[in-house]
Amino acid sequence: MQLGMVGLGRMGASMTTRLIRGGHTVVVYDRDAKAVATAAAGGATAATSLEHLVAQLTTPRAVWVMVPSGDATEATIQSLGTLLSRGDAVIDGGNSNYKDGMRRAGVLAARGVQFADAGTSGGIWGLAEGYSLMVGGDDATVERLRPIFETLAPNPTTGWAHMGPVGSGHFVKMIHNGIEYGLMQAYAEGFSILRHKTEFALDLPKIAEVWRHGSVVRSWLLDLTANALRDNPTLDGIAPFVVDSGEGRWTVAEAIDLDVPAPIITQSLIERLRSRDSDSYTDKLLAALRNQFGGHAIKTEPTQTTGSRPK
């Protein structure tokens, strides 16, 4: 099958390679000409613009958008909407909000262009292991694109499925990422407790390796934990700063809207936000309050001596 791929970051480039290896023809475009050249060297057909990409596809066309969520995805899909024809299809494989996908589908439908939202998980391992795909869209669109999904998935019959109408793919992926937040937080907290039990001198890489086999907490995330601890047991050089893609926030907001308690996912999101506060006013005020009501000592910060008065 022929496919246009817009966006050749770590996932888009690997997905392109997997599709080519699976016998598909892929026309690629990215604002980074070097990324396009690299993909072309691997068998893709290069395009110098969205217009050029669309012109090289035969109807009915299919274009997979794999650019950062938000403004980049919005602008790309809007542009494709003016370039594509009735019967063509756009697949959004990024981490878009499902509500945005439903809105975009409505705009494209008015022009006769089909839309599918494909929640995509697999990261840098997807090329070798395959991607988990959660696909939303109408039956006819998803069925036409089936060969693409079957090739990107770990195998044609597992690892991907049609979730439901437009929006459902990204909705399921959003919840998937919220669960991921909670799992990662639990592993991180557990290994931190183990590390702080200094009198046992525990070997964390060895513990992770033991848990990978037969334990009820074994998982791919634990496999990755074992890799990280084996490579850098003390995590030297890694700043305690954890970013979020936004899907955890959306999951928490959806839980609130649906009156569904989700304390683990919510707290794991809060912990990520907390990791970015290197000068916590909250903690300073807590220390001050303990001093106010109980006379507890306040630990002071070192005074900076830079030749000017401390601020």
C-alpha atoms as a PDB file:
ATOM      1  CA  MET A   1       0.000   0.000   0.000  1.00  0.00           C
ATOM      2  CA  GLN A   2       1.139   3.585  -0.596  1.00  0.00           C
ATOM      3  CA  LEU A   3       1.263   6.050   2.308  1.00  0.00           C
ATOM      4  CA  GLY A   4       2.430   9.591   2.894  1.00  0.00           C
ATOM      5  CA  MET A   5       4.307  10.138   6.171  1.00  0.00           C
ATOM      6  CA  VAL A   6       4.533  13.694   7.513  1.00  0.00           C
ATOM      7  CA  GLY A   7       6.994  13.975  10.396  1.00  0.00           C
ATOM      8  CA  LEU A   8      10.231  12.039  10.647  1.00  0.00           C
ATOM      9  CA  GLY A   9      11.118  12.305  14.308  1.00  0.00           C
ATOM     10  CA  ARG A  10      12.183   9.249  16.257  1.00  0.00           C
ATOM     11  CA  MET A  11       8.838   7.495  15.832  1.00  0.00           C
ATOM     12  CA  GLY A  12       7.904   8.750  12.368  1.00  0.00           C
ATOM     13  CA  ALA A  13      11.262   7.723  10.926  1.00  0.00           C
ATOM     14  CA  SER A  14      11.136   4.271  12.521  1.00  0.00           C
ATOM     15  CA  MET A  15       7.549   3.749  11.405  1.00  0.00           C
ATOM     16  CA  THR A  16       8.577   4.619   7.866  1.00  0.00           C
ATOM     17  CA  THR A  17      11.356   2.040   7.997  1.00  0.00           C
ATOM     18  CA  ARG A  18       9.024  -0.643   9.338  1.00  0.00           C
ATOM     19  CA  LEU A  19       6.466   0.075   6.617  1.00  0.00           C
ATOM     20  CA  ILE A  20       9.087  -0.103   3.855  1.00  0.00           C
ATOM     21  CA  ARG A  21      10.388  -3.377   5.253  1.00  0.00           C
ATOM     22  CA  GLY A  22       6.787  -4.600   5.159  1.00  0.00           C
ATOM     23  CA  GLY A  23       6.540  -3.910   1.437  1.00  0.00           C
ATOM     24  CA  HIS A  24       4.726  -0.572   1.470  1.00  0.00           C
ATOM     25  CA  THR A  25       5.631   2.511  -0.556  1.00  0.00           C
ATOM     26  CA  VAL A  26       6.142   5.560   1.648  1.00  0.00           C
ATOM     27  CA  VAL A  27       6.406   9.173   0.500  1.00  0.00           C
ATOM     28  CA  VAL A  28       7.938  11.293   3.273  1.00  0.00           C
ATOM     29  CA  TYR A  29       8.101  14.943   4.243  1.00  0.00           C
ATOM     30  CA  ASP A  30       9.656  16.750   7.186  1.00  0.00           C
ATOM     31  CA  ARG A  31      10.812  20.328   7.652  1.00  0.00           C
ATOM     32  CA  ASP A  32      14.261  18.865   8.339  1.00  0.00           C
ATOM     33  CA  ALA A  33      15.734  18.098   4.912  1.00  0.00           C
ATOM     34  CA  LYS A  34      18.353  15.827   6.496  1.00  0.00           C
ATOM     35  CA  ALA A  35      15.639  13.629   7.990  1.00  0.00           C
ATOM     36  CA  VAL A  36      14.004  13.373   4.558  1.00  0.00           C
ATOM     37  CA  ALA A  37      17.338  12.480   2.945  1.00  0.00           C
ATOM     38  CA  THR A  38      17.963   9.773   5.550  1.00  0.00           C
ATOM     39  CA  ALA A  39      14.538   8.253   4.944  1.00  0.00           C
ATOM     40  CA  ALA A  40      15.059   8.403   1.190  1.00  0.00           C
ATOM     41  CA  ALA A  41      18.359   6.570   1.578  1.00  0.00           C
ATOM     42  CA  GLY A  42      16.371   3.839   3.329  1.00  0.00           C
ATOM     43  CA  GLY A  43      13.933   3.435   0.461  1.00  0.00           C
ATOM     44  CA  ALA A  44      11.344   6.164   0.991  1.00  0.00           C
ATOM     45  CA  THR A  45      10.299   8.649  -1.697  1.00  0.00           C
ATOM     46  CA  ALA A  46      11.320  12.182  -0.749  1.00  0.00           C
ATOM     47  CA  ALA A  47       9.019  15.194  -0.851  1.00  0.00           C
ATOM     48  CA  THR A  48      10.079  18.808  -0.450  1.00  0.00           C
ATOM     49  CA  SER A  49       6.703  20.087   0.782  1.00  0.00           C
ATOM     50  CA  LEU A  50       3.215  18.938   1.692  1.00  0.00           C
ATOM     51  CA  GLU A  51       2.113  19.868  -1.814  1.00  0.00           C
ATOM     52  CA  HIS A  52       4.891  17.756  -3.295  1.00  0.00           C
ATOM     53  CA  LEU A  53       4.000  14.839  -1.030  1.00  0.00           C
ATOM     54  CA  VAL A  54       0.316  14.914  -2.004  1.00  0.00           C
ATOM     55  CA  ALA A  55       1.202  15.201  -5.705  1.00  0.00           C
ATOM     56  CA  GLN A  56       3.236  11.981  -5.528  1.00  0.00           C
ATOM     57  CA  LEU A  57       0.419   9.921  -4.009  1.00  0.00           C
ATOM     58  CA  THR A  58      -2.186   8.137  -6.087  1.00  0.00           C
ATOM     59  CA  THR A  59      -5.877   8.425  -5.198  1.00  0.00           C
ATOM     60  CA  PRO A  60      -7.415   7.495  -2.894  1.00  0.00           C
ATOM     61  CA  ARG A  61      -4.529   8.903  -0.899  1.00  0.00           C
ATOM     62  CA  ALA A  62      -3.612   8.205   2.721  1.00  0.00           C
ATOM     63  CA  VAL A  63      -1.388  10.507   4.782  1.00  0.00           C
ATOM     64  CA  TRP A  64      -0.122   9.721   8.268  1.00  0.00           C
ATOM     65  CA  VAL A  65       0.621  12.820  10.405  1.00  0.00           C
ATOM     66  CA  MET A  66       3.316  12.192  13.012  1.00  0.00           C
ATOM     67  CA  VAL A  67       4.285  15.669  14.184  1.00  0.00           C
ATOM     68  CA  PRO A  68       4.167  17.170  17.715  1.00  0.00           C
ATOM     69  CA  SER A  69       0.653  17.528  19.112  1.00  0.00           C
ATOM     70  CA  GLY A  70      -0.923  20.939  19.331  1.00  0.00           C
ATOM     71  CA  ASP A  71      -0.209  23.734  16.868  1.00  0.00           C
ATOM     72  CA  ALA A  72       2.021  21.649  14.587  1.00  0.00           C
ATOM     73  CA  THR A  73      -0.609  18.936  14.149  1.00  0.00           C
ATOM     74  CA  GLU A  74      -3.378  21.509  13.730  1.00  0.00           C
ATOM     75  CA  ALA A  75      -1.523  23.412  11.010  1.00  0.00           C
ATOM     76  CA  THR A  76      -0.512  20.232   9.177  1.00  0.00           C
ATOM     77  CA  ILE A  77      -4.021  18.770   9.098  1.00  0.00           C
ATOM     78  CA  GLN A  78      -5.516  22.100   8.052  1.00  0.00           C
ATOM     79  CA  SER A  79      -3.059  22.291   5.162  1.00  0.00           C
ATOM     80  CA  LEU A  80      -3.721  18.710   4.115  1.00  0.00           C
ATOM     81  CA  GLY A  81      -7.446  19.424   4.171  1.00  0.00           C
ATOM     82  CA  THR A  82      -6.976  21.974   1.392  1.00  0.00           C
ATOM     83  CA  LEU A  83      -4.677  19.707  -0.642  1.00  0.00           C
ATOM     84  CA  LEU A  84      -6.420  16.342  -0.462  1.00  0.00           C
ATOM     85  CA  SER A  85      -9.461  15.233  -2.445  1.00  0.00           C
ATOM     86  CA  ARG A  86     -12.733  13.488  -1.705  1.00  0.00           C
ATOM     87  CA  GLY A  87     -12.053   9.899  -0.650  1.00  0.00           C
ATOM     88  CA  ASP A  88      -8.535  10.600   0.647  1.00  0.00           C
ATOM     89  CA  ALA A  89      -7.689   9.913   4.286  1.00  0.00           C
ATOM     90  CA  VAL A  90      -5.680  11.553   7.073  1.00  0.00           C
ATOM     91  CA  ILE A  91      -4.368   9.531  10.022  1.00  0.00           C
ATOM     92  CA  ASP A  92      -3.292  11.437  13.129  1.00  0.00           C
ATOM     93  CA  GLY A  93      -0.833   9.203  14.984  1.00  0.00           C
ATOM     94  CA  GLY A  94       0.422  11.751  17.504  1.00  0.00           C
ATOM     95  CA  ASN A  95      -0.650  12.428  21.085  1.00  0.00           C
ATOM     96  CA  SER A  96      -3.581  14.667  20.170  1.00  0.00           C
ATOM     97  CA  ASN A  97      -6.511  15.354  22.444  1.00  0.00           C
ATOM     98  CA  TYR A  98      -9.415  13.194  21.315  1.00  0.00           C
ATOM     99  CA  LYS A  99     -11.722  16.214  21.256  1.00  0.00           C
ATOM    100  CA  ASP A 100      -9.418  17.917  18.760  1.00  0.00           C
ATOM    101  CA  GLY A 101      -9.529  14.778  16.627  1.00  0.00           C
ATOM    102  CA  MET A 102     -13.324  14.799  16.573  1.00  0.00           C
ATOM    103  CA  ARG A 103     -13.333  18.464  15.573  1.00  0.00           C
ATOM    104  CA  ARG A 104     -10.746  17.948  12.849  1.00  0.00           C
ATOM    105  CA  ALA A 105     -12.663  14.965  11.503  1.00  0.00           C
ATOM    106  CA  GLY A 106     -15.757  17.146  11.144  1.00  0.00           C
ATOM    107  CA  VAL A 107     -13.861  19.805   9.194  1.00  0.00           C
ATOM    108  CA  LEU A 108     -12.308  17.224   6.872  1.00  0.00           C
ATOM    109  CA  ALA A 109     -15.600  15.374   6.404  1.00  0.00           C
ATOM    110  CA  ALA A 110     -17.164  18.556   5.011  1.00  0.00           C
ATOM    111  CA  ARG A 111     -14.581  18.300   2.235  1.00  0.00           C
ATOM    112  CA  GLY A 112     -15.066  14.587   1.729  1.00  0.00           C
ATOM    113  CA  VAL A 113     -11.744  13.671   3.363  1.00  0.00           C
ATOM    114  CA  GLN A 114     -11.732  10.729   5.769  1.00  0.00           C
ATOM    115  CA  PHE A 115     -10.034  10.810   9.173  1.00  0.00           C
ATOM    116  CA  ALA A 116      -8.673   8.216  11.582  1.00  0.00           C
ATOM    117  CA  ASP A 117      -7.082   8.828  14.965  1.00  0.00           C
ATOM    118  CA  ALA A 118      -4.411   6.255  15.780  1.00  0.00           C
ATOM    119  CA  GLY A 119      -3.137   6.304  19.335  1.00  0.00           C
ATOM    120  CA  THR A 120       0.399   4.981  18.915  1.00  0.00           C
ATOM    121  CA  SER A 121       2.590   3.441  21.609  1.00  0.00           C
ATOM    122  CA  GLY A 122       5.984   1.828  21.258  1.00  0.00           C
ATOM    123  CA  GLY A 123       8.490   4.645  21.343  1.00  0.00           C
ATOM    124  CA  ILE A 124      12.005   3.939  20.145  1.00  0.00           C
ATOM    125  CA  TRP A 125      11.402   0.181  20.438  1.00  0.00           C
ATOM    126  CA  GLY A 126       8.580   0.139  17.909  1.00  0.00           C
ATOM    127  CA  LEU A 127      10.780  -0.481  14.878  1.00  0.00           C
ATOM    128  CA  ALA A 128      11.933  -3.849  16.200  1.00  0.00           C
ATOM    129  CA  GLU A 129       9.000  -4.827  18.422  1.00  0.00           C
ATOM    130  CA  GLY A 130       6.076  -3.260  16.585  1.00  0.00           C
ATOM    131  CA  TYR A 131       3.676  -0.551  17.724  1.00  0.00           C
ATOM    132  CA  SER A 132       0.531  -0.782  19.825  1.00  0.00           C
ATOM    133  CA  LEU A 133      -2.163   0.977  17.809  1.00  0.00           C
ATOM    134  CA  MET A 134      -5.528   2.140  19.114  1.00  0.00           C
ATOM    135  CA  VAL A 135      -7.506   3.229  16.055  1.00  0.00           C
ATOM    136  CA  GLY A 136     -10.607   5.375  15.871  1.00  0.00           C
ATOM    137  CA  GLY A 137     -12.651   6.034  12.728  1.00  0.00           C
ATOM    138  CA  ASP A 138     -15.527   4.749  10.652  1.00  0.00           C
ATOM    139  CA  ASP A 139     -15.489   1.118   9.566  1.00  0.00           C
ATOM    140  CA  ALA A 140     -14.776   1.755   5.885  1.00  0.00           C
ATOM    141  CA  THR A 141     -11.808   4.063   6.561  1.00  0.00           C
ATOM    142  CA  VAL A 142     -10.187   1.738   9.072  1.00  0.00           C
ATOM    143  CA  GLU A 143     -10.694  -1.270   6.813  1.00  0.00           C
ATOM    144  CA  ARG A 144      -9.043   0.500   3.880  1.00  0.00           C
ATOM    145  CA  LEU A 145      -6.055   1.364   6.043  1.00  0.00           C
ATOM    146  CA  ARG A 146      -5.847  -2.092   7.615  1.00  0.00           C
ATOM    147  CA  PRO A 147      -2.625  -3.112   5.752  1.00  0.00           C
ATOM    148  CA  ILE A 148      -0.797  -0.144   7.326  1.00  0.00           C
ATOM    149  CA  PHE A 149      -1.942  -0.977  10.835  1.00  0.00           C
ATOM    150  CA  GLU A 150      -1.163  -4.673  10.406  1.00  0.00           C
ATOM    151  CA  THR A 151       2.409  -3.897   9.346  1.00  0.00           C
ATOM    152  CA  LEU A 152       3.093  -1.376  12.106  1.00  0.00           C
ATOM    153  CA  ALA A 153       1.671  -3.643  14.820  1.00  0.00           C
ATOM    154  CA  PRO A 154       3.738  -6.442  16.406  1.00  0.00           C
ATOM    155  CA  ASN A 155       1.910  -8.788  14.049  1.00  0.00           C
ATOM    156  CA  PRO A 156      -1.203  -8.523  11.867  1.00  0.00           C
ATOM    157  CA  THR A 157      -3.620  -9.923  14.438  1.00  0.00           C
ATOM    158  CA  THR A 158      -2.351  -8.591  17.772  1.00  0.00           C
ATOM    159  CA  GLY A 159      -1.271  -5.245  19.145  1.00  0.00           C
ATOM    160  CA  TRP A 160      -3.784  -3.164  17.212  1.00  0.00           C
ATOM    161  CA  ALA A 161      -7.557  -2.873  16.996  1.00  0.00           C
ATOM    162  CA  HIS A 162     -10.371  -0.650  15.829  1.00  0.00           C
ATOM    163  CA  MET A 163     -11.582   1.013  19.036  1.00  0.00           C
ATOM    164  CA  GLY A 164     -14.704   2.713  17.710  1.00  0.00           C
ATOM    165  CA  PRO A 165     -15.715   6.000  16.044  1.00  0.00           C
ATOM    166  CA  VAL A 166     -13.450   8.979  15.485  1.00  0.00           C
ATOM    167  CA  GLY A 167     -11.942  10.145  18.769  1.00  0.00           C
ATOM    168  CA  SER A 168     -11.981   6.739  20.433  1.00  0.00           C
ATOM    169  CA  GLY A 169      -8.424   5.904  19.391  1.00  0.00           C
ATOM    170  CA  HIS A 170      -6.881   8.928  21.034  1.00  0.00           C
ATOM    171  CA  PHE A 171      -9.208   8.597  24.020  1.00  0.00           C
ATOM    172  CA  VAL A 172      -7.979   5.052  24.689  1.00  0.00           C
ATOM    173  CA  LYS A 173      -4.362   6.162  24.176  1.00  0.00           C
ATOM    174  CA  MET A 174      -4.922   8.996  26.663  1.00  0.00           C
ATOM    175  CA  ILE A 175      -6.056   6.551  29.342  1.00  0.00           C
ATOM    176  CA  HIS A 176      -3.184   4.235  28.393  1.00  0.00           C
ATOM    177  CA  ASN A 177      -0.736   7.046  29.138  1.00  0.00           C
ATOM    178  CA  GLY A 178      -2.445   7.863  32.425  1.00  0.00           C
ATOM    179  CA  ILE A 179      -2.011   4.242  33.519  1.00  0.00           C
ATOM    180  CA  GLU A 180       1.612   4.429  32.385  1.00  0.00           C
ATOM    181  CA  TYR A 181       2.149   7.415  34.708  1.00  0.00           C
ATOM    182  CA  GLY A 182       0.931   5.398  37.696  1.00  0.00           C
ATOM    183  CA  LEU A 183       2.999   2.305  36.862  1.00  0.00           C
ATOM    184  CA  MET A 184       6.178   4.316  36.394  1.00  0.00           C
ATOM    185  CA  GLN A 185       5.586   6.181  39.654  1.00  0.00           C
ATOM    186  CA  ALA A 186       5.126   2.921  41.578  1.00  0.00           C
ATOM    187  CA  TYR A 187       8.360   1.437  40.220  1.00  0.00           C
ATOM    188  CA  ALA A 188      10.265   4.647  40.924  1.00  0.00           C
ATOM    189  CA  GLU A 189       8.999   4.901  44.513  1.00  0.00           C
ATOM    190  CA  GLY A 190       9.610   1.224  45.254  1.00  0.00           C
ATOM    191  CA  PHE A 191      13.199   1.278  44.058  1.00  0.00           C
ATOM    192  CA  SER A 192      13.807   4.500  45.959  1.00  0.00           C
ATOM    193  CA  ILE A 193      12.710   2.788  49.192  1.00  0.00           C
ATOM    194  CA  LEU A 194      15.029  -0.128  48.431  1.00  0.00           C
ATOM    195  CA  ARG A 195      17.939   2.255  47.828  1.00  0.00           C
ATOM    196  CA  HIS A 196      17.370   4.074  51.111  1.00  0.00           C
ATOM    197  CA  LYS A 197      17.571   0.826  53.123  1.00  0.00           C
ATOM    198  CA  THR A 198      21.324   1.293  53.292  1.00  0.00           C
ATOM    199  CA  GLU A 199      22.084  -1.318  55.975  1.00  0.00           C
ATOM    200  CA  PHE A 200      21.116  -4.104  53.549  1.00  0.00           C
ATOM    201  CA  ALA A 201      23.338  -2.744  50.743  1.00  0.00           C
ATOM    202  CA  LEU A 202      20.766  -3.953  48.242  1.00  0.00           C
ATOM    203  CA  ASP A 203      21.756  -4.535  44.610  1.00  0.00           C
ATOM    204  CA  LEU A 204      18.976  -2.765  42.705  1.00  0.00           C
ATOM    205  CA  PRO A 205      19.877  -4.051  39.226  1.00  0.00           C
ATOM    206  CA  LYS A 206      19.844  -7.601  40.595  1.00  0.00           C
ATOM    207  CA  ILE A 207      16.451  -7.074  42.241  1.00  0.00           C
ATOM    208  CA  ALA A 208      14.988  -5.710  39.012  1.00  0.00           C
ATOM    209  CA  GLU A 209      16.330  -8.719  37.138  1.00  0.00           C
ATOM    210  CA  VAL A 210      14.821 -11.150  39.665  1.00  0.00           C
ATOM    211  CA  TRP A 211      11.426  -9.455  39.446  1.00  0.00           C
ATOM    212  CA  ARG A 212      11.435  -9.704  35.645  1.00  0.00           C
ATOM    213  CA  HIS A 213      10.953 -13.477  35.845  1.00  0.00           C
ATOM    214  CA  GLY A 214       7.912 -15.040  37.512  1.00  0.00           C
ATOM    215  CA  SER A 215       6.941 -12.008  39.617  1.00  0.00           C
ATOM    216  CA  VAL A 216       3.444 -10.571  39.451  1.00  0.00           C
ATOM    217  CA  VAL A 217       4.976  -7.108  38.942  1.00  0.00           C
ATOM    218  CA  ARG A 218       6.907  -8.123  35.818  1.00  0.00           C
ATOM    219  CA  SER A 219       6.228  -5.942  32.773  1.00  0.00           C
ATOM    220  CA  TRP A 220       7.944  -4.233  29.859  1.00  0.00           C
ATOM    221  CA  LEU A 221       8.339  -1.144  32.052  1.00  0.00           C
ATOM    222  CA  LEU A 222      10.172  -3.313  34.574  1.00  0.00           C
ATOM    223  CA  ASP A 223      12.388  -4.589  31.753  1.00  0.00           C
ATOM    224  CA  LEU A 224      13.250  -0.988  30.941  1.00  0.00           C
ATOM    225  CA  THR A 225      13.815  -0.272  34.636  1.00  0.00           C
ATOM    226  CA  ALA A 226      16.276  -3.158  34.753  1.00  0.00           C
ATOM    227  CA  ASN A 227      18.062  -1.756  31.695  1.00  0.00           C
ATOM    228  CA  ALA A 228      18.333   1.707  33.236  1.00  0.00           C
ATOM    229  CA  LEU A 229      19.619   0.402  36.579  1.00  0.00           C
ATOM    230  CA  ARG A 230      22.109  -1.921  34.914  1.00  0.00           C
ATOM    231  CA  ASP A 231      23.533   0.930  32.840  1.00  0.00           C
ATOM    232  CA  ASN A 232      23.569   3.500  35.650  1.00  0.00           C
ATOM    233  CA  PRO A 233      22.681   2.085  39.105  1.00  0.00           C
ATOM    234  CA  THR A 234      23.060   5.438  40.899  1.00  0.00           C
ATOM    235  CA  LEU A 235      21.428   7.400  38.060  1.00  0.00           C
ATOM    236  CA  ASP A 236      24.388   9.769  37.973  1.00  0.00           C
ATOM    237  CA  GLY A 237      23.974  12.737  35.664  1.00  0.00           C
ATOM    238  CA  ILE A 238      20.170  12.504  35.479  1.00  0.00           C
ATOM    239  CA  ALA A 239      18.294  15.550  36.734  1.00  0.00           C
ATOM    240  CA  PRO A 240      15.182  14.862  38.872  1.00  0.00           C
ATOM    241  CA  PHE A 241      12.993  16.695  36.354  1.00  0.00           C
ATOM    242  CA  VAL A 242      10.140  14.753  34.752  1.00  0.00           C
ATOM    243  CA  VAL A 243       8.198  16.187  31.820  1.00  0.00           C
ATOM    244  CA  ASP A 244       4.704  15.174  30.713  1.00  0.00           C
ATOM    245  CA  SER A 245       3.171  15.027  27.252  1.00  0.00           C
ATOM    246  CA  GLY A 246      -0.161  16.367  28.453  1.00  0.00           C
ATOM    247  CA  GLU A 247      -2.080  13.095  28.230  1.00  0.00           C
ATOM    248  CA  GLY A 248      -1.872  12.526  31.985  1.00  0.00           C
ATOM    249  CA  ARG A 249      -3.483  15.916  32.542  1.00  0.00           C
ATOM    250  CA  TRP A 250      -6.245  15.086  30.070  1.00  0.00           C
ATOM    251  CA  THR A 251      -6.817  11.733  31.772  1.00  0.00           C
ATOM    252  CA  VAL A 252      -7.233  13.393  35.166  1.00  0.00           C
ATOM    253  CA  ALA A 253      -9.572  16.030  33.712  1.00  0.00           C
ATOM    254  CA  GLU A 254     -11.661  13.319  32.065  1.00  0.00           C
ATOM    255  CA  ALA A 255     -11.847  11.358  35.315  1.00  0.00           C
ATOM    256  CA  ILE A 256     -13.161  14.457  37.076  1.00  0.00           C
ATOM    257  CA  ASP A 257     -15.708  15.102  34.306  1.00  0.00           C
ATOM    258  CA  LEU A 258     -16.930  11.504  34.551  1.00  0.00           C
ATOM    259  CA  ASP A 259     -16.927  11.446  38.386  1.00  0.00           C
ATOM    260  CA  VAL A 260     -14.428   8.573  38.349  1.00  0.00           C
ATOM    261  CA  PRO A 261     -11.923   8.552  41.241  1.00  0.00           C
ATOM    262  CA  ALA A 262      -8.383   8.176  39.898  1.00  0.00           C
ATOM    263  CA  PRO A 263      -6.094   8.992  42.858  1.00  0.00           C
ATOM    264  CA  ILE A 264      -3.030   7.053  41.644  1.00  0.00           C
ATOM    265  CA  ILE A 265      -2.945   8.602  38.177  1.00  0.00           C
ATOM    266  CA  THR A 266      -3.686  12.037  39.630  1.00  0.00           C
ATOM    267  CA  GLN A 267      -0.921  11.823  42.233  1.00  0.00           C
ATOM    268  CA  SER A 268       1.602  10.548  39.688  1.00  0.00           C
ATOM    269  CA  LEU A 269       0.860  13.632  37.578  1.00  0.00           C
ATOM    270  CA  ILE A 270       1.297  15.892  40.613  1.00  0.00           C
ATOM    271  CA  GLU A 271       4.662  14.248  41.332  1.00  0.00           C
ATOM    272  CA  ARG A 272       5.831  15.096  37.827  1.00  0.00           C
ATOM    273  CA  LEU A 273       4.852  18.716  38.337  1.00  0.00           C
ATOM    274  CA  ARG A 274       6.602  18.716  41.710  1.00  0.00           C
ATOM    275  CA  SER A 275       9.826  17.440  40.164  1.00  0.00           C
ATOM    276  CA  ARG A 276      10.168  20.694  38.238  1.00  0.00           C
ATOM    277  CA  ASP A 277      10.074  22.967  41.279  1.00  0.00           C
ATOM    278  CA  SER A 278      13.724  23.352  42.249  1.00  0.00           C
ATOM    279  CA  ASP A 279      12.947  26.254  44.616  1.00  0.00           C
ATOM    280  CA  SER A 280       9.670  25.161  46.199  1.00  0.00           C
ATOM    281  CA  TYR A 281       7.821  28.059  47.789  1.00  0.00           C
ATOM    282  CA  THR A 282       5.310  25.508  49.073  1.00  0.00           C
ATOM    283  CA  ASP A 283       7.949  23.619  51.077  1.00  0.00           C
ATOM    284  CA  LYS A 284       9.442  26.843  52.394  1.00  0.00           C
ATOM    285  CA  LEU A 285       6.054  27.964  53.686  1.00  0.00           C
ATOM    286  CA  LEU A 286       5.463  24.546  55.281  1.00  0.00           C
ATOM    287  CA  ALA A 287       8.770  24.898  57.156  1.00  0.00           C
ATOM    288  CA  ALA A 288       7.821  28.417  58.246  1.00  0.00           C
ATOM    289  CA  LEU A 289       4.419  27.234  59.515  1.00  0.00           C
ATOM    290  CA  ARG A 290       5.990  24.441  61.580  1.00  0.00           C
ATOM    291  CA  ASN A 291       8.213  27.056  63.148  1.00  0.00           C
ATOM    292  CA  GLN A 292       5.258  29.342  63.832  1.00  0.00           C
ATOM    293  CA  PHE A 293       3.042  26.854  65.638  1.00  0.00           C
ATOM    294  CA  GLY A 294       5.584  24.484  67.145  1.00  0.00           C
ATOM    295  CA  GLY A 295       8.837  26.347  67.325  1.00  0.00           C
ATOM    296  CA  HIS A 296      10.444  23.753  65.068  1.00  0.00           C
ATOM    297  CA  ALA A 297      13.831  24.738  63.728  1.00  0.00           C
ATOM    298  CA  ILE A 298      14.087  26.054  60.184  1.00  0.00           C
ATOM    299  CA  LYS A 299      16.918  24.791  58.023  1.00  0.00           C
ATOM    300  CA  THR A 300      18.434  27.824  56.343  1.00  0.00           C
ATOM    301  CA  GLU A 301      19.936  27.991  52.888  1.00  0.00           C
ATOM    302  CA  PRO A 302      23.622  28.926  52.508  1.00  0.00           C
ATOM    303  CA  THR A 303      24.119  32.647  52.082  1.00  0.00           C
ATOM    304  CA  GLN A 304      25.396  33.518  48.619  1.00  0.00           C
ATOM    305  CA  THR A 305      28.467  35.748  48.563  1.00  0.00           C
ATOM    306  CA  THR A 306      28.866  37.188  45.110  1.00  0.00           C
ATOM    307  CA  GLY A 307      29.980  40.667  46.003  1.00  0.00           C
ATOM    308  CA  SER A 308      26.435  41.995  46.105  1.00  0.00           C
ATOM    309  CA  ARG A 309      23.752  41.960  48.769  1.00  0.00           C
ATOM    310  CA  PRO A 310      21.743  38.757  49.037  1.00  0.00           C
ATOM    311  CA  LYS A 311      18.366  38.985  47.330  1.00  0.00           C
END
